[in-house]
Amino acid sequence: MLGLISLIVRTIVLNPMIVAGIALACYYKFTYSWQVIKLIFTAAWVPYAIMVGIALAYTLLFKHVYYPNSKRINWWATTKSSVFHFLTIALVVGLTLLILHIWDSSSVQNLDDYLRYKKR
């Protein structure tokens, strides 16, 4: 059990891209309605620009890749790393929004069932 908790902490809590994706999804969920969120992520470029900016900043500041036995930065590998970080953020934002939507839907359904039962 301790190994499972350690794995969760290492992969989720200590990964800044996952934390950034969860924070971005929570910001959009708690700021806008579901219809506006659908519109934002299908028609607007701003959330994707934010994700790319976070991925580029993180890669260039902390995760740049060097050539072996050198102090020169391998820009091609660094660019590939930033694309991977962007995809990680996008996946986490999507999964977090899906989980929050399912959570809201189930809560609303339980409340609706309860209120219908109380009417009788």
PDB file of N, CA and C in Angstrom:
ATOM      1  N   MET A   1       0.827  -1.193   0.000  1.00  0.00           N
ATOM      2  CA  MET A   1       0.000   0.000   0.000  1.00  0.00           C
ATOM      3  C   MET A   1       0.869   1.253   0.000  1.00  0.00           C
ATOM      4  N   LEU A   2       1.951   1.201   0.735  1.00  0.00           N
ATOM      5  CA  LEU A   2       2.845   2.349   0.786  1.00  0.00           C
ATOM      6  C   LEU A   2       3.492   2.607  -0.567  1.00  0.00           C
ATOM      7  N   GLY A   3       3.762   1.538  -1.312  1.00  0.00           N
ATOM      8  CA  GLY A   3       4.325   1.687  -2.648  1.00  0.00           C
ATOM      9  C   GLY A   3       3.361   2.364  -3.603  1.00  0.00           C
ATOM     10  N   LEU A   4       2.060   2.055  -3.487  1.00  0.00           N
ATOM     11  CA  LEU A   4       1.045   2.686  -4.323  1.00  0.00           C
ATOM     12  C   LEU A   4       0.924   4.173  -4.011  1.00  0.00           C
ATOM     13  N   ILE A   5       0.927   4.514  -2.740  1.00  0.00           N
ATOM     14  CA  ILE A   5       0.860   5.926  -2.347  1.00  0.00           C
ATOM     15  C   ILE A   5       2.098   6.669  -2.832  1.00  0.00           C
ATOM     16  N   SER A   6       3.249   6.044  -2.720  1.00  0.00           N
ATOM     17  CA  SER A   6       4.488   6.655  -3.202  1.00  0.00           C
ATOM     18  C   SER A   6       4.445   6.867  -4.712  1.00  0.00           C
ATOM     19  N   LEU A   7       3.910   5.899  -5.450  1.00  0.00           N
ATOM     20  CA  LEU A   7       3.791   6.032  -6.899  1.00  0.00           C
ATOM     21  C   LEU A   7       2.861   7.190  -7.264  1.00  0.00           C
ATOM     22  N   ILE A   8       1.747   7.299  -6.582  1.00  0.00           N
ATOM     23  CA  ILE A   8       0.812   8.390  -6.852  1.00  0.00           C
ATOM     24  C   ILE A   8       1.445   9.732  -6.556  1.00  0.00           C
ATOM     25  N   VAL A   9       2.136   9.848  -5.452  1.00  0.00           N
ATOM     26  CA  VAL A   9       2.778  11.122  -5.097  1.00  0.00           C
ATOM     27  C   VAL A   9       3.852  11.479  -6.108  1.00  0.00           C
ATOM     28  N   ARG A  10       4.670  10.509  -6.517  1.00  0.00           N
ATOM     29  CA  ARG A  10       5.749  10.795  -7.464  1.00  0.00           C
ATOM     30  C   ARG A  10       5.236  11.169  -8.842  1.00  0.00           C
ATOM     31  N   THR A  11       4.194  10.504  -9.309  1.00  0.00           N
ATOM     32  CA  THR A  11       3.744  10.756 -10.675  1.00  0.00           C
ATOM     33  C   THR A  11       2.764  11.903 -10.786  1.00  0.00           C
ATOM     34  N   ILE A  12       1.933  12.109  -9.807  1.00  0.00           N
ATOM     35  CA  ILE A  12       0.896  13.125  -9.935  1.00  0.00           C
ATOM     36  C   ILE A  12       1.254  14.403  -9.196  1.00  0.00           C
ATOM     37  N   VAL A  13       1.514  14.299  -7.934  1.00  0.00           N
ATOM     38  CA  VAL A  13       1.699  15.496  -7.117  1.00  0.00           C
ATOM     39  C   VAL A  13       3.011  16.212  -7.435  1.00  0.00           C
ATOM     40  N   LEU A  14       4.050  15.478  -7.716  1.00  0.00           N
ATOM     41  CA  LEU A  14       5.351  16.100  -7.940  1.00  0.00           C
ATOM     42  C   LEU A  14       5.622  16.426  -9.409  1.00  0.00           C
ATOM     43  N   ASN A  15       4.663  16.202 -10.295  1.00  0.00           N
ATOM     44  CA  ASN A  15       4.826  16.539 -11.701  1.00  0.00           C
ATOM     45  C   ASN A  15       4.180  17.896 -11.958  1.00  0.00           C
ATOM     46  N   PRO A  16       4.972  18.921 -12.235  1.00  0.00           N
ATOM     47  CA  PRO A  16       4.399  20.262 -12.402  1.00  0.00           C
ATOM     48  C   PRO A  16       3.457  20.382 -13.583  1.00  0.00           C
ATOM     49  N   MET A  17       3.628  19.590 -14.621  1.00  0.00           N
ATOM     50  CA  MET A  17       2.730  19.668 -15.771  1.00  0.00           C
ATOM     51  C   MET A  17       1.338  19.141 -15.415  1.00  0.00           C
ATOM     52  N   ILE A  18       1.279  18.117 -14.604  1.00  0.00           N
ATOM     53  CA  ILE A  18      -0.006  17.590 -14.174  1.00  0.00           C
ATOM     54  C   ILE A  18      -0.695  18.576 -13.239  1.00  0.00           C
ATOM     55  N   VAL A  19       0.059  19.155 -12.336  1.00  0.00           N
ATOM     56  CA  VAL A  19      -0.506  20.156 -11.424  1.00  0.00           C
ATOM     57  C   VAL A  19      -0.999  21.373 -12.213  1.00  0.00           C
ATOM     58  N   ALA A  20      -0.249  21.805 -13.221  1.00  0.00           N
ATOM     59  CA  ALA A  20      -0.672  22.942 -14.046  1.00  0.00           C
ATOM     60  C   ALA A  20      -1.938  22.605 -14.823  1.00  0.00           C
ATOM     61  N   GLY A  21      -2.038  21.396 -15.349  1.00  0.00           N
ATOM     62  CA  GLY A  21      -3.234  20.985 -16.075  1.00  0.00           C
ATOM     63  C   GLY A  21      -4.458  20.939 -15.178  1.00  0.00           C
ATOM     64  N   ILE A  22      -4.311  20.404 -13.966  1.00  0.00           N
ATOM     65  CA  ILE A  22      -5.425  20.360 -13.025  1.00  0.00           C
ATOM     66  C   ILE A  22      -5.835  21.765 -12.622  1.00  0.00           C
ATOM     67  N   ALA A  23      -4.864  22.633 -12.371  1.00  0.00           N
ATOM     68  CA  ALA A  23      -5.179  24.011 -11.990  1.00  0.00           C
ATOM     69  C   ALA A  23      -5.888  24.755 -13.123  1.00  0.00           C
ATOM     70  N   LEU A  24      -5.439  24.572 -14.349  1.00  0.00           N
ATOM     71  CA  LEU A  24      -6.073  25.237 -15.489  1.00  0.00           C
ATOM     72  C   LEU A  24      -7.503  24.735 -15.693  1.00  0.00           C
ATOM     73  N   ALA A  25      -7.705  23.437 -15.574  1.00  0.00           N
ATOM     74  CA  ALA A  25      -9.058  22.882 -15.727  1.00  0.00           C
ATOM     75  C   ALA A  25      -9.980  23.368 -14.612  1.00  0.00           C
ATOM     76  N   CYS A  26      -9.477  23.405 -13.399  1.00  0.00           N
ATOM     77  CA  CYS A  26     -10.294  23.895 -12.281  1.00  0.00           C
ATOM     78  C   CYS A  26     -10.619  25.370 -12.455  1.00  0.00           C
ATOM     79  N   TYR A  27      -9.683  26.145 -12.958  1.00  0.00           N
ATOM     80  CA  TYR A  27      -9.962  27.562 -13.210  1.00  0.00           C
ATOM     81  C   TYR A  27     -11.107  27.718 -14.198  1.00  0.00           C
ATOM     82  N   TYR A  28     -11.043  27.013 -15.315  1.00  0.00           N
ATOM     83  CA  TYR A  28     -12.105  27.127 -16.319  1.00  0.00           C
ATOM     84  C   TYR A  28     -13.434  26.584 -15.795  1.00  0.00           C
ATOM     85  N   LYS A  29     -13.401  25.499 -15.036  1.00  0.00           N
ATOM     86  CA  LYS A  29     -14.637  24.900 -14.550  1.00  0.00           C
ATOM     87  C   LYS A  29     -15.333  25.803 -13.543  1.00  0.00           C
ATOM     88  N   PHE A  30     -14.569  26.391 -12.631  1.00  0.00           N
ATOM     89  CA  PHE A  30     -15.177  27.203 -11.582  1.00  0.00           C
ATOM     90  C   PHE A  30     -15.420  28.642 -12.008  1.00  0.00           C
ATOM     91  N   THR A  31     -14.936  29.037 -13.175  1.00  0.00           N
ATOM     92  CA  THR A  31     -15.144  30.389 -13.673  1.00  0.00           C
ATOM     93  C   THR A  31     -16.287  30.447 -14.678  1.00  0.00           C
ATOM     94  N   TYR A  32     -16.414  29.454 -15.527  1.00  0.00           N
ATOM     95  CA  TYR A  32     -17.383  29.484 -16.618  1.00  0.00           C
ATOM     96  C   TYR A  32     -18.362  28.321 -16.508  1.00  0.00           C
ATOM     97  N   SER A  33     -19.471  28.427 -17.236  1.00  0.00           N
ATOM     98  CA  SER A  33     -20.434  27.320 -17.296  1.00  0.00           C
ATOM     99  C   SER A  33     -19.933  26.292 -18.318  1.00  0.00           C
ATOM    100  N   TRP A  34     -20.597  25.129 -18.338  1.00  0.00           N
ATOM    101  CA  TRP A  34     -20.159  24.060 -19.231  1.00  0.00           C
ATOM    102  C   TRP A  34     -20.302  24.443 -20.693  1.00  0.00           C
ATOM    103  N   GLN A  35     -21.349  25.193 -21.032  1.00  0.00           N
ATOM    104  CA  GLN A  35     -21.532  25.599 -22.425  1.00  0.00           C
ATOM    105  C   GLN A  35     -20.414  26.531 -22.872  1.00  0.00           C
ATOM    106  N   VAL A  36     -20.010  27.438 -22.000  1.00  0.00           N
ATOM    107  CA  VAL A  36     -18.927  28.369 -22.330  1.00  0.00           C
ATOM    108  C   VAL A  36     -17.597  27.619 -22.422  1.00  0.00           C
ATOM    109  N   ILE A  37     -17.390  26.641 -21.559  1.00  0.00           N
ATOM    110  CA  ILE A  37     -16.152  25.850 -21.606  1.00  0.00           C
ATOM    111  C   ILE A  37     -16.061  25.093 -22.926  1.00  0.00           C
ATOM    112  N   LYS A  38     -17.171  24.505 -23.371  1.00  0.00           N
ATOM    113  CA  LYS A  38     -17.172  23.813 -24.666  1.00  0.00           C
ATOM    114  C   LYS A  38     -16.832  24.780 -25.795  1.00  0.00           C
ATOM    115  N   LEU A  39     -17.412  25.967 -25.736  1.00  0.00           N
ATOM    116  CA  LEU A  39     -17.140  26.977 -26.760  1.00  0.00           C
ATOM    117  C   LEU A  39     -15.680  27.427 -26.712  1.00  0.00           C
ATOM    118  N   ILE A  40     -15.165  27.644 -25.520  1.00  0.00           N
ATOM    119  CA  ILE A  40     -13.777  28.104 -25.378  1.00  0.00           C
ATOM    120  C   ILE A  40     -12.805  27.073 -25.959  1.00  0.00           C
ATOM    121  N   PHE A  41     -12.985  25.802 -25.622  1.00  0.00           N
ATOM    122  CA  PHE A  41     -12.022  24.792 -26.049  1.00  0.00           C
ATOM    123  C   PHE A  41     -12.216  24.339 -27.489  1.00  0.00           C
ATOM    124  N   THR A  42     -13.340  24.688 -28.107  1.00  0.00           N
ATOM    125  CA  THR A  42     -13.518  24.318 -29.510  1.00  0.00           C
ATOM    126  C   THR A  42     -13.278  25.479 -30.465  1.00  0.00           C
ATOM    127  N   ALA A  43     -13.495  26.714 -30.019  1.00  0.00           N
ATOM    128  CA  ALA A  43     -13.409  27.844 -30.945  1.00  0.00           C
ATOM    129  C   ALA A  43     -12.301  28.833 -30.625  1.00  0.00           C
ATOM    130  N   ALA A  44     -11.791  28.824 -29.422  1.00  0.00           N
ATOM    131  CA  ALA A  44     -10.798  29.831 -29.042  1.00  0.00           C
ATOM    132  C   ALA A  44      -9.393  29.217 -29.002  1.00  0.00           C
ATOM    133  N   TRP A  45      -8.404  30.052 -29.205  1.00  0.00           N
ATOM    134  CA  TRP A  45      -7.021  29.586 -29.190  1.00  0.00           C
ATOM    135  C   TRP A  45      -6.335  29.927 -27.859  1.00  0.00           C
ATOM    136  N   VAL A  46      -6.970  30.712 -27.022  1.00  0.00           N
ATOM    137  CA  VAL A  46      -6.324  31.200 -25.793  1.00  0.00           C
ATOM    138  C   VAL A  46      -5.938  30.075 -24.831  1.00  0.00           C
ATOM    139  N   PRO A  47      -6.818  29.087 -24.519  1.00  0.00           N
ATOM    140  CA  PRO A  47      -6.373  28.054 -23.586  1.00  0.00           C
ATOM    141  C   PRO A  47      -5.195  27.237 -24.116  1.00  0.00           C
ATOM    142  N   TYR A  48      -5.167  27.037 -25.431  1.00  0.00           N
ATOM    143  CA  TYR A  48      -4.050  26.287 -26.009  1.00  0.00           C
ATOM    144  C   TYR A  48      -2.759  27.109 -25.972  1.00  0.00           C
ATOM    145  N   ALA A  49      -2.882  28.423 -26.162  1.00  0.00           N
ATOM    146  CA  ALA A  49      -1.706  29.291 -26.052  1.00  0.00           C
ATOM    147  C   ALA A  49      -1.176  29.297 -24.624  1.00  0.00           C
ATOM    148  N   ILE A  50      -2.073  29.282 -23.652  1.00  0.00           N
ATOM    149  CA  ILE A  50      -1.641  29.219 -22.249  1.00  0.00           C
ATOM    150  C   ILE A  50      -0.908  27.909 -21.986  1.00  0.00           C
ATOM    151  N   MET A  51      -1.454  26.802 -22.491  1.00  0.00           N
ATOM    152  CA  MET A  51      -0.806  25.499 -22.291  1.00  0.00           C
ATOM    153  C   MET A  51       0.561  25.443 -22.963  1.00  0.00           C
ATOM    154  N   VAL A  52       0.654  25.976 -24.178  1.00  0.00           N
ATOM    155  CA  VAL A  52       1.948  26.004 -24.880  1.00  0.00           C
ATOM    156  C   VAL A  52       2.937  26.885 -24.133  1.00  0.00           C
ATOM    157  N   GLY A  53       2.474  28.010 -23.632  1.00  0.00           N
ATOM    158  CA  GLY A  53       3.350  28.907 -22.867  1.00  0.00           C
ATOM    159  C   GLY A  53       3.886  28.252 -21.608  1.00  0.00           C
ATOM    160  N   ILE A  54       3.016  27.562 -20.890  1.00  0.00           N
ATOM    161  CA  ILE A  54       3.461  26.861 -19.677  1.00  0.00           C
ATOM    162  C   ILE A  54       4.469  25.780 -20.035  1.00  0.00           C
ATOM    163  N   ALA A  55       4.190  25.009 -21.084  1.00  0.00           N
ATOM    164  CA  ALA A  55       5.094  23.926 -21.485  1.00  0.00           C
ATOM    165  C   ALA A  55       6.443  24.466 -21.939  1.00  0.00           C
ATOM    166  N   LEU A  56       6.427  25.530 -22.751  1.00  0.00           N
ATOM    167  CA  LEU A  56       7.692  26.119 -23.209  1.00  0.00           C
ATOM    168  C   LEU A  56       8.499  26.705 -22.056  1.00  0.00           C
ATOM    169  N   ALA A  57       7.820  27.427 -21.183  1.00  0.00           N
ATOM    170  CA  ALA A  57       8.527  28.030 -20.048  1.00  0.00           C
ATOM    171  C   ALA A  57       9.148  26.974 -19.157  1.00  0.00           C
ATOM    172  N   TYR A  58       8.406  25.922 -18.874  1.00  0.00           N
ATOM    173  CA  TYR A  58       8.937  24.855 -18.025  1.00  0.00           C
ATOM    174  C   TYR A  58      10.111  24.154 -18.692  1.00  0.00           C
ATOM    175  N   THR A  59       9.983  23.877 -19.981  1.00  0.00           N
ATOM    176  CA  THR A  59      11.056  23.187 -20.691  1.00  0.00           C
ATOM    177  C   THR A  59      12.302  24.051 -20.793  1.00  0.00           C
ATOM    178  N   LEU A  60      12.132  25.314 -21.136  1.00  0.00           N
ATOM    179  CA  LEU A  60      13.306  26.175 -21.306  1.00  0.00           C
ATOM    180  C   LEU A  60      13.969  26.530 -19.977  1.00  0.00           C
ATOM    181  N   LEU A  61      13.193  26.630 -18.905  1.00  0.00           N
ATOM    182  CA  LEU A  61      13.781  26.990 -17.622  1.00  0.00           C
ATOM    183  C   LEU A  61      14.361  25.799 -16.860  1.00  0.00           C
ATOM    184  N   PHE A  62      13.688  24.642 -16.934  1.00  0.00           N
ATOM    185  CA  PHE A  62      14.088  23.543 -16.063  1.00  0.00           C
ATOM    186  C   PHE A  62      14.482  22.259 -16.788  1.00  0.00           C
ATOM    187  N   LYS A  63      13.906  21.966 -17.923  1.00  0.00           N
ATOM    188  CA  LYS A  63      14.095  20.661 -18.556  1.00  0.00           C
ATOM    189  C   LYS A  63      14.772  20.720 -19.920  1.00  0.00           C
ATOM    190  N   HIS A  64      15.624  21.707 -20.172  1.00  0.00           N
ATOM    191  CA  HIS A  64      16.294  21.730 -21.465  1.00  0.00           C
ATOM    192  C   HIS A  64      17.288  20.570 -21.552  1.00  0.00           C
ATOM    193  N   VAL A  65      17.500  20.087 -22.770  1.00  0.00           N
ATOM    194  CA  VAL A  65      18.295  18.887 -23.007  1.00  0.00           C
ATOM    195  C   VAL A  65      19.640  19.296 -23.590  1.00  0.00           C
ATOM    196  N   TYR A  66      20.698  18.747 -23.032  1.00  0.00           N
ATOM    197  CA  TYR A  66      22.050  19.035 -23.506  1.00  0.00           C
ATOM    198  C   TYR A  66      22.551  17.915 -24.414  1.00  0.00           C
ATOM    199  N   TYR A  67      23.504  18.260 -25.276  1.00  0.00           N
ATOM    200  CA  TYR A  67      24.216  17.228 -26.035  1.00  0.00           C
ATOM    201  C   TYR A  67      25.053  16.420 -25.055  1.00  0.00           C
ATOM    202  N   PRO A  68      25.301  15.138 -25.346  1.00  0.00           N
ATOM    203  CA  PRO A  68      26.119  14.326 -24.434  1.00  0.00           C
ATOM    204  C   PRO A  68      27.536  14.896 -24.295  1.00  0.00           C
ATOM    205  N   ASN A  69      28.009  14.942 -23.084  1.00  0.00           N
ATOM    206  CA  ASN A  69      29.357  15.411 -22.746  1.00  0.00           C
ATOM    207  C   ASN A  69      29.605  16.832 -23.245  1.00  0.00           C
ATOM    208  N   SER A  70      28.621  17.675 -23.135  1.00  0.00           N
ATOM    209  CA  SER A  70      28.748  19.043 -23.626  1.00  0.00           C
ATOM    210  C   SER A  70      27.870  19.952 -22.780  1.00  0.00           C
ATOM    211  N   LYS A  71      28.118  21.253 -22.909  1.00  0.00           N
ATOM    212  CA  LYS A  71      27.273  22.232 -22.242  1.00  0.00           C
ATOM    213  C   LYS A  71      26.380  22.952 -23.235  1.00  0.00           C
ATOM    214  N   ARG A  72      26.310  22.444 -24.468  1.00  0.00           N
ATOM    215  CA  ARG A  72      25.451  23.027 -25.502  1.00  0.00           C
ATOM    216  C   ARG A  72      24.062  22.413 -25.423  1.00  0.00           C
ATOM    217  N   ILE A  73      23.048  23.234 -25.613  1.00  0.00           N
ATOM    218  CA  ILE A  73      21.670  22.762 -25.558  1.00  0.00           C
ATOM    219  C   ILE A  73      21.284  22.133 -26.897  1.00  0.00           C
ATOM    220  N   ASN A  74      20.695  20.976 -26.837  1.00  0.00           N
ATOM    221  CA  ASN A  74      20.152  20.302 -28.010  1.00  0.00           C
ATOM    222  C   ASN A  74      18.739  20.849 -28.225  1.00  0.00           C
ATOM    223  N   TRP A  75      18.597  21.790 -29.142  1.00  0.00           N
ATOM    224  CA  TRP A  75      17.330  22.484 -29.316  1.00  0.00           C
ATOM    225  C   TRP A  75      16.254  21.585 -29.898  1.00  0.00           C
ATOM    226  N   TRP A  76      16.620  20.636 -30.739  1.00  0.00           N
ATOM    227  CA  TRP A  76      15.623  19.734 -31.302  1.00  0.00           C
ATOM    228  C   TRP A  76      15.015  18.858 -30.201  1.00  0.00           C
ATOM    229  N   ALA A  77      15.840  18.304 -29.340  1.00  0.00           N
ATOM    230  CA  ALA A  77      15.335  17.477 -28.236  1.00  0.00           C
ATOM    231  C   ALA A  77      14.556  18.316 -27.231  1.00  0.00           C
ATOM    232  N   THR A  78      14.971  19.549 -27.019  1.00  0.00           N
ATOM    233  CA  THR A  78      14.254  20.444 -26.118  1.00  0.00           C
ATOM    234  C   THR A  78      12.875  20.781 -26.680  1.00  0.00           C
ATOM    235  N   THR A  79      12.786  21.002 -27.982  1.00  0.00           N
ATOM    236  CA  THR A  79      11.495  21.277 -28.614  1.00  0.00           C
ATOM    237  C   THR A  79      10.571  20.065 -28.518  1.00  0.00           C
ATOM    238  N   LYS A  80      11.106  18.868 -28.759  1.00  0.00           N
ATOM    239  CA  LYS A  80      10.296  17.657 -28.619  1.00  0.00           C
ATOM    240  C   LYS A  80       9.816  17.489 -27.177  1.00  0.00           C
ATOM    241  N   SER A  81      10.662  17.839 -26.227  1.00  0.00           N
ATOM    242  CA  SER A  81      10.277  17.744 -24.820  1.00  0.00           C
ATOM    243  C   SER A  81       9.145  18.716 -24.493  1.00  0.00           C
ATOM    244  N   SER A  82       9.197  19.926 -25.068  1.00  0.00           N
ATOM    245  CA  SER A  82       8.134  20.895 -24.798  1.00  0.00           C
ATOM    246  C   SER A  82       6.815  20.456 -25.433  1.00  0.00           C
ATOM    247  N   VAL A  83       6.864  19.795 -26.592  1.00  0.00           N
ATOM    248  CA  VAL A  83       5.650  19.262 -27.213  1.00  0.00           C
ATOM    249  C   VAL A  83       5.062  18.169 -26.327  1.00  0.00           C
ATOM    250  N   PHE A  84       5.906  17.313 -25.779  1.00  0.00           N
ATOM    251  CA  PHE A  84       5.436  16.273 -24.867  1.00  0.00           C
ATOM    252  C   PHE A  84       4.786  16.891 -23.627  1.00  0.00           C
ATOM    253  N   HIS A  85       5.385  17.948 -23.093  1.00  0.00           N
ATOM    254  CA  HIS A  85       4.806  18.621 -21.923  1.00  0.00           C
ATOM    255  C   HIS A  85       3.461  19.253 -22.267  1.00  0.00           C
ATOM    256  N   PHE A  86       3.342  19.837 -23.462  1.00  0.00           N
ATOM    257  CA  PHE A  86       2.061  20.400 -23.889  1.00  0.00           C
ATOM    258  C   PHE A  86       0.998  19.317 -23.975  1.00  0.00           C
ATOM    259  N   LEU A  87       1.335  18.180 -24.567  1.00  0.00           N
ATOM    260  CA  LEU A  87       0.373  17.087 -24.677  1.00  0.00           C
ATOM    261  C   LEU A  87      -0.037  16.559 -23.305  1.00  0.00           C
ATOM    262  N   THR A  88       0.905  16.545 -22.366  1.00  0.00           N
ATOM    263  CA  THR A  88       0.586  16.128 -21.003  1.00  0.00           C
ATOM    264  C   THR A  88      -0.419  17.082 -20.369  1.00  0.00           C
ATOM    265  N   ILE A  89      -0.176  18.384 -20.509  1.00  0.00           N
ATOM    266  CA  ILE A  89      -1.103  19.369 -19.945  1.00  0.00           C
ATOM    267  C   ILE A  89      -2.479  19.245 -20.600  1.00  0.00           C
ATOM    268  N   ALA A  90      -2.521  19.109 -21.918  1.00  0.00           N
ATOM    269  CA  ALA A  90      -3.800  19.013 -22.626  1.00  0.00           C
ATOM    270  C   ALA A  90      -4.572  17.774 -22.197  1.00  0.00           C
ATOM    271  N   LEU A  91      -3.894  16.640 -22.055  1.00  0.00           N
ATOM    272  CA  LEU A  91      -4.546  15.412 -21.615  1.00  0.00           C
ATOM    273  C   LEU A  91      -5.092  15.560 -20.200  1.00  0.00           C
ATOM    274  N   VAL A  92      -4.313  16.153 -19.315  1.00  0.00           N
ATOM    275  CA  VAL A  92      -4.752  16.322 -17.930  1.00  0.00           C
ATOM    276  C   VAL A  92      -5.922  17.298 -17.846  1.00  0.00           C
ATOM    277  N   VAL A  93      -5.894  18.376 -18.628  1.00  0.00           N
ATOM    278  CA  VAL A  93      -7.021  19.309 -18.643  1.00  0.00           C
ATOM    279  C   VAL A  93      -8.287  18.591 -19.106  1.00  0.00           C
ATOM    280  N   GLY A  94      -8.181  17.822 -20.170  1.00  0.00           N
ATOM    281  CA  GLY A  94      -9.341  17.093 -20.671  1.00  0.00           C
ATOM    282  C   GLY A  94      -9.884  16.085 -19.669  1.00  0.00           C
ATOM    283  N   LEU A  95      -8.992  15.309 -19.060  1.00  0.00           N
ATOM    284  CA  LEU A  95      -9.439  14.319 -18.079  1.00  0.00           C
ATOM    285  C   LEU A  95     -10.020  14.977 -16.834  1.00  0.00           C
ATOM    286  N   THR A  96      -9.425  16.075 -16.394  1.00  0.00           N
ATOM    287  CA  THR A  96      -9.940  16.774 -15.218  1.00  0.00           C
ATOM    288  C   THR A  96     -11.315  17.365 -15.493  1.00  0.00           C
ATOM    289  N   LEU A  97     -11.492  17.974 -16.661  1.00  0.00           N
ATOM    290  CA  LEU A  97     -12.810  18.507 -17.008  1.00  0.00           C
ATOM    291  C   LEU A  97     -13.843  17.383 -17.121  1.00  0.00           C
ATOM    292  N   LEU A  98     -13.450  16.240 -17.667  1.00  0.00           N
ATOM    293  CA  LEU A  98     -14.354  15.099 -17.761  1.00  0.00           C
ATOM    294  C   LEU A  98     -14.754  14.607 -16.373  1.00  0.00           C
ATOM    295  N   ILE A  99     -13.792  14.470 -15.482  1.00  0.00           N
ATOM    296  CA  ILE A  99     -14.078  14.019 -14.118  1.00  0.00           C
ATOM    297  C   ILE A  99     -14.979  15.010 -13.394  1.00  0.00           C
ATOM    298  N   LEU A 100     -14.707  16.299 -13.535  1.00  0.00           N
ATOM    299  CA  LEU A 100     -15.546  17.306 -12.881  1.00  0.00           C
ATOM    300  C   LEU A 100     -16.954  17.323 -13.466  1.00  0.00           C
ATOM    301  N   HIS A 101     -17.079  17.102 -14.772  1.00  0.00           N
ATOM    302  CA  HIS A 101     -18.406  17.056 -15.390  1.00  0.00           C
ATOM    303  C   HIS A 101     -19.190  15.840 -14.905  1.00  0.00           C
ATOM    304  N   ILE A 102     -18.543  14.696 -14.813  1.00  0.00           N
ATOM    305  CA  ILE A 102     -19.205  13.490 -14.308  1.00  0.00           C
ATOM    306  C   ILE A 102     -19.613  13.695 -12.852  1.00  0.00           C
ATOM    307  N   TRP A 103     -18.745  14.328 -12.079  1.00  0.00           N
ATOM    308  CA  TRP A 103     -19.048  14.601 -10.673  1.00  0.00           C
ATOM    309  C   TRP A 103     -20.283  15.496 -10.567  1.00  0.00           C
ATOM    310  N   ASP A 104     -20.327  16.563 -11.356  1.00  0.00           N
ATOM    311  CA  ASP A 104     -21.475  17.469 -11.334  1.00  0.00           C
ATOM    312  C   ASP A 104     -22.746  16.756 -11.782  1.00  0.00           C
ATOM    313  N   SER A 105     -22.656  15.968 -12.815  1.00  0.00           N
ATOM    314  CA  SER A 105     -23.839  15.268 -13.327  1.00  0.00           C
ATOM    315  C   SER A 105     -24.393  14.281 -12.311  1.00  0.00           C
ATOM    316  N   SER A 106     -23.507  13.557 -11.640  1.00  0.00           N
ATOM    317  CA  SER A 106     -23.983  12.582 -10.657  1.00  0.00           C
ATOM    318  C   SER A 106     -24.590  13.282  -9.454  1.00  0.00           C
ATOM    319  N   SER A 107     -24.010  14.407  -9.040  1.00  0.00           N
ATOM    320  CA  SER A 107     -24.558  15.149  -7.904  1.00  0.00           C
ATOM    321  C   SER A 107     -25.922  15.710  -8.244  1.00  0.00           C
ATOM    322  N   VAL A 108     -26.081  16.216  -9.441  1.00  0.00           N
ATOM    323  CA  VAL A 108     -27.360  16.775  -9.860  1.00  0.00           C
ATOM    324  C   VAL A 108     -28.407  15.676  -9.958  1.00  0.00           C
ATOM    325  N   GLN A 109     -28.029  14.518 -10.465  1.00  0.00           N
ATOM    326  CA  GLN A 109     -28.980  13.418 -10.581  1.00  0.00           C
ATOM    327  C   GLN A 109     -29.432  12.954  -9.204  1.00  0.00           C
ATOM    328  N   ASN A 110     -28.530  12.843  -8.243  1.00  0.00           N
ATOM    329  CA  ASN A 110     -28.912  12.441  -6.893  1.00  0.00           C
ATOM    330  C   ASN A 110     -29.844  13.463  -6.257  1.00  0.00           C
ATOM    331  N   LEU A 111     -29.537  14.735  -6.438  1.00  0.00           N
ATOM    332  CA  LEU A 111     -30.397  15.779  -5.893  1.00  0.00           C
ATOM    333  C   LEU A 111     -31.769  15.748  -6.556  1.00  0.00           C
ATOM    334  N   ASP A 112     -31.804  15.558  -7.862  1.00  0.00           N
ATOM    335  CA  ASP A 112     -33.074  15.492  -8.577  1.00  0.00           C
ATOM    336  C   ASP A 112     -33.915  14.297  -8.096  1.00  0.00           C
ATOM    337  N   ASP A 113     -33.273  13.152  -7.921  1.00  0.00           N
ATOM    338  CA  ASP A 113     -33.996  11.986  -7.412  1.00  0.00           C
ATOM    339  C   ASP A 113     -34.527  12.236  -6.006  1.00  0.00           C
ATOM    340  N   TYR A 114     -33.727  12.878  -5.182  1.00  0.00           N
ATOM    341  CA  TYR A 114     -34.145  13.169  -3.806  1.00  0.00           C
ATOM    342  C   TYR A 114     -35.336  14.125  -3.798  1.00  0.00           C
ATOM    343  N   LEU A 115     -35.285  15.175  -4.604  1.00  0.00           N
ATOM    344  CA  LEU A 115     -36.385  16.136  -4.626  1.00  0.00           C
ATOM    345  C   LEU A 115     -37.661  15.522  -5.197  1.00  0.00           C
ATOM    346  N   ARG A 116     -37.548  14.663  -6.180  1.00  0.00           N
ATOM    347  CA  ARG A 116     -38.726  13.983  -6.722  1.00  0.00           C
ATOM    348  C   ARG A 116     -39.333  13.057  -5.676  1.00  0.00           C
ATOM    349  N   TYR A 117     -38.489  12.422  -4.884  1.00  0.00           N
ATOM    350  CA  TYR A 117     -38.985  11.531  -3.834  1.00  0.00           C
ATOM    351  C   TYR A 117     -39.700  12.345  -2.752  1.00  0.00           C
ATOM    352  N   LYS A 118     -39.174  13.522  -2.412  1.00  0.00           N
ATOM    353  CA  LYS A 118     -39.768  14.358  -1.362  1.00  0.00           C
ATOM    354  C   LYS A 118     -41.115  14.927  -1.779  1.00  0.00           C
ATOM    355  N   LYS A 119     -41.365  15.086  -3.086  1.00  0.00           N
ATOM    356  CA  LYS A 119     -42.643  15.639  -3.557  1.00  0.00           C
ATOM    357  C   LYS A 119     -43.798  14.711  -3.264  1.00  0.00           C
ATOM    358  N   ARG A 120     -43.560  13.423  -3.272  1.00  0.00           N
ATOM    359  CA  ARG A 120     -44.647  12.449  -3.114  1.00  0.00           C
ATOM    360  C   ARG A 120     -45.186  12.399  -1.732  1.00  0.00           C
TER     361      ARG A 120
END
